[in-house]
């Protein structure tokens, strides 16, 4: 899909170069990358009463990136060392619990929900989709909107 997006951009902006697109630049306008965009969004919302600033947003971006990209860090966090009784050698077992999955899902869902809510509010769009999502979240995770952050 990314190749198609770049091809569509190239079709509309024939002067765009692959080098410019690689650094999020188009027609002389430099746009922030993904992490910088997330940090800027949360820093802006903090100015208007939000509770998450640039530093926490950077951490959230890192966490979500680690959960969605194959990295050794995420596997290392799930690793539990035991001893193999037959050899006495240490063995690394990967343990995934329902609690760890729920924590990860909450983090990803909160990021998506916040982005949807902010964009809908910014453009003044009807909140129909947000309200429907809230109802589904409440039906599946009843304490989602009032659970303390752990």
Protein backbone atom coordinates (compact mmCIF):
# COMPACT_ATOMS: atom_id res chain seq x y z
CA UNK A 1 0.00 0.00 0.00
CA UNK A 2 2.87 2.39 0.84
CA UNK A 3 4.30 1.93 -2.67
CA UNK A 4 0.88 2.80 -4.12
CA UNK A 5 0.62 5.90 -1.92
CA UNK A 6 4.08 7.03 -3.07
CA UNK A 7 3.11 6.36 -6.72
CA UNK A 8 -0.10 8.41 -6.25
CA UNK A 9 1.92 11.26 -4.74
CA UNK A 10 4.41 11.09 -7.61
CA UNK A 11 1.51 11.22 -10.12
CA UNK A 12 0.12 14.39 -8.52
CA UNK A 13 3.47 15.99 -7.70
CA UNK A 14 5.77 15.07 -10.57
CA UNK A 15 8.69 17.02 -9.08
CA UNK A 16 8.67 14.90 -5.90
CA UNK A 17 11.77 12.79 -5.48
CA UNK A 18 12.15 9.53 -3.57
CA UNK A 19 14.73 11.28 -1.36
CA UNK A 20 12.22 13.99 -0.39
CA UNK A 21 9.46 11.50 0.29
CA UNK A 22 11.82 9.44 2.45
CA UNK A 23 12.23 12.43 4.80
CA UNK A 24 8.53 13.44 4.67
CA UNK A 25 9.11 16.43 2.39
CA UNK A 26 6.82 17.42 -0.46
CA UNK A 27 7.02 20.54 -2.60
CA UNK A 28 9.39 22.15 -0.12
CA UNK A 29 7.15 21.47 2.88
CA UNK A 30 8.74 19.26 5.55
CA UNK A 31 6.24 17.27 7.59
CA UNK A 32 6.96 15.51 10.87
CA UNK A 33 7.54 11.76 10.90
CA UNK A 34 5.26 9.35 12.69
CA UNK A 35 6.75 9.63 16.19
CA UNK A 36 7.07 13.41 15.94
CA UNK A 37 3.41 13.62 14.83
CA UNK A 38 2.25 11.59 17.84
CA UNK A 39 4.34 13.70 20.21
CA UNK A 40 3.03 16.94 18.66
CA UNK A 41 -0.59 15.74 18.84
CA UNK A 42 -0.37 14.91 22.54
CA UNK A 43 1.58 18.06 23.37
CA UNK A 44 -1.13 20.12 21.65
CA UNK A 45 -3.93 18.32 23.49
CA UNK A 46 -2.08 18.84 26.80
CA UNK A 47 -2.22 22.60 26.20
CA UNK A 48 -6.01 22.27 26.13
CA UNK A 49 -6.38 20.15 29.26
CA UNK A 50 -5.07 16.75 28.23
CA UNK A 51 -2.98 14.73 30.65
CA UNK A 52 -0.45 13.19 28.27
CA UNK A 53 2.47 15.32 27.13
CA UNK A 54 5.31 14.86 24.67
CA UNK A 55 7.45 12.63 26.91
CA UNK A 56 4.66 10.16 27.73
CA UNK A 57 3.53 10.23 24.09
CA UNK A 58 7.02 9.27 22.98
CA UNK A 59 6.95 6.35 25.41
CA UNK A 60 3.53 5.28 24.18
CA UNK A 61 4.73 5.45 20.58
CA UNK A 62 7.74 3.31 21.48
CA UNK A 63 5.56 0.78 23.33
CA UNK A 64 3.08 0.47 20.46
CA UNK A 65 5.90 0.21 17.93
CA UNK A 66 7.49 -2.59 19.93
CA UNK A 67 4.16 -4.41 20.14
CA UNK A 68 3.50 -4.19 16.41
CA UNK A 69 6.99 -4.73 14.98
CA UNK A 70 9.14 -7.79 15.39
CA UNK A 71 11.71 -6.75 17.97
CA UNK A 72 13.78 -8.68 20.45
CA UNK A 73 12.66 -6.33 23.22
CA UNK A 74 9.06 -7.56 23.22
CA UNK A 75 10.10 -11.20 23.29
CA UNK A 76 12.66 -10.53 26.02
CA UNK A 77 9.91 -8.98 28.17
CA UNK A 78 7.88 -12.21 27.85
CA UNK A 79 10.85 -14.45 28.68
CA UNK A 80 10.97 -16.45 31.91
CA UNK A 81 14.12 -18.39 32.75
CA UNK A 82 13.80 -21.90 34.13
CA UNK A 83 16.19 -24.83 34.50
CA UNK A 84 15.81 -27.90 32.36
CA UNK A 85 15.59 -30.68 34.97
CA UNK A 86 17.20 -33.25 32.67
CA UNK A 87 20.29 -31.17 31.79
CA UNK A 88 20.37 -28.52 34.51
CA UNK A 89 20.84 -25.87 31.81
CA UNK A 90 18.87 -22.63 31.85
CA UNK A 91 16.01 -22.47 29.36
CA UNK A 92 14.19 -19.34 28.20
CA UNK A 93 10.45 -19.92 28.01
CA UNK A 94 8.23 -17.30 26.39
CA UNK A 95 5.14 -16.74 28.54
CA UNK A 96 2.14 -14.80 27.31
CA UNK A 97 -0.66 -14.20 29.80
CA UNK A 98 -4.16 -12.91 29.23
CA UNK A 99 -3.28 -9.97 31.50
CA UNK A 100 -0.32 -8.98 29.32
CA UNK A 101 -2.44 -9.24 26.18
CA UNK A 102 -5.21 -7.14 27.77
CA UNK A 103 -2.67 -4.49 28.80
CA UNK A 104 -1.30 -4.32 25.25
CA UNK A 105 -4.79 -4.17 23.74
CA UNK A 106 -5.78 -1.35 26.12
CA UNK A 107 -2.73 0.68 25.08
CA UNK A 108 -3.40 0.24 21.36
CA UNK A 109 -7.14 0.83 21.72
CA UNK A 110 -6.60 3.98 23.80
CA UNK A 111 -4.26 5.41 21.14
CA UNK A 112 -6.76 4.66 18.36
CA UNK A 113 -9.72 5.98 20.35
CA UNK A 114 -7.90 9.21 21.24
CA UNK A 115 -6.83 9.83 17.64
CA UNK A 116 -10.36 9.20 16.35
CA UNK A 117 -11.85 11.45 19.01
CA UNK A 118 -9.34 14.27 18.36
CA UNK A 119 -9.78 14.18 14.57
CA UNK A 120 -13.58 14.04 14.83
CA UNK A 121 -13.62 16.98 17.26
CA UNK A 122 -11.10 19.01 15.24
CA UNK A 123 -13.10 18.75 12.01
CA UNK A 124 -16.46 19.11 13.77
CA UNK A 125 -17.68 15.84 12.32
CA UNK A 126 -20.67 14.05 13.84
CA UNK A 127 -19.65 11.87 16.80
CA UNK A 128 -21.71 8.91 15.57
CA UNK A 129 -18.67 6.67 14.95
CA UNK A 130 -17.04 7.69 18.24
CA UNK A 131 -20.22 7.00 20.23
CA UNK A 132 -20.64 3.61 18.53
CA UNK A 133 -17.01 2.74 19.34
CA UNK A 134 -17.48 3.85 22.96
CA UNK A 135 -20.51 1.57 23.30
CA UNK A 136 -18.59 -1.41 21.88
CA UNK A 137 -15.62 -0.74 24.13
CA UNK A 138 -17.85 -0.46 27.21
CA UNK A 139 -19.60 -3.73 26.28
CA UNK A 140 -16.30 -5.61 26.04
CA UNK A 141 -14.09 -3.72 28.55
CA UNK A 142 -16.52 -2.15 31.07
CA UNK A 143 -13.84 -0.27 33.02
CA UNK A 144 -11.90 0.99 29.98
CA UNK A 145 -12.78 4.66 30.40
CA UNK A 146 -12.40 4.80 34.18
CA UNK A 147 -9.59 2.31 34.86
CA UNK A 148 -6.41 3.81 36.36
CA UNK A 149 -3.32 3.61 34.18
CA UNK A 150 -0.99 0.84 35.37
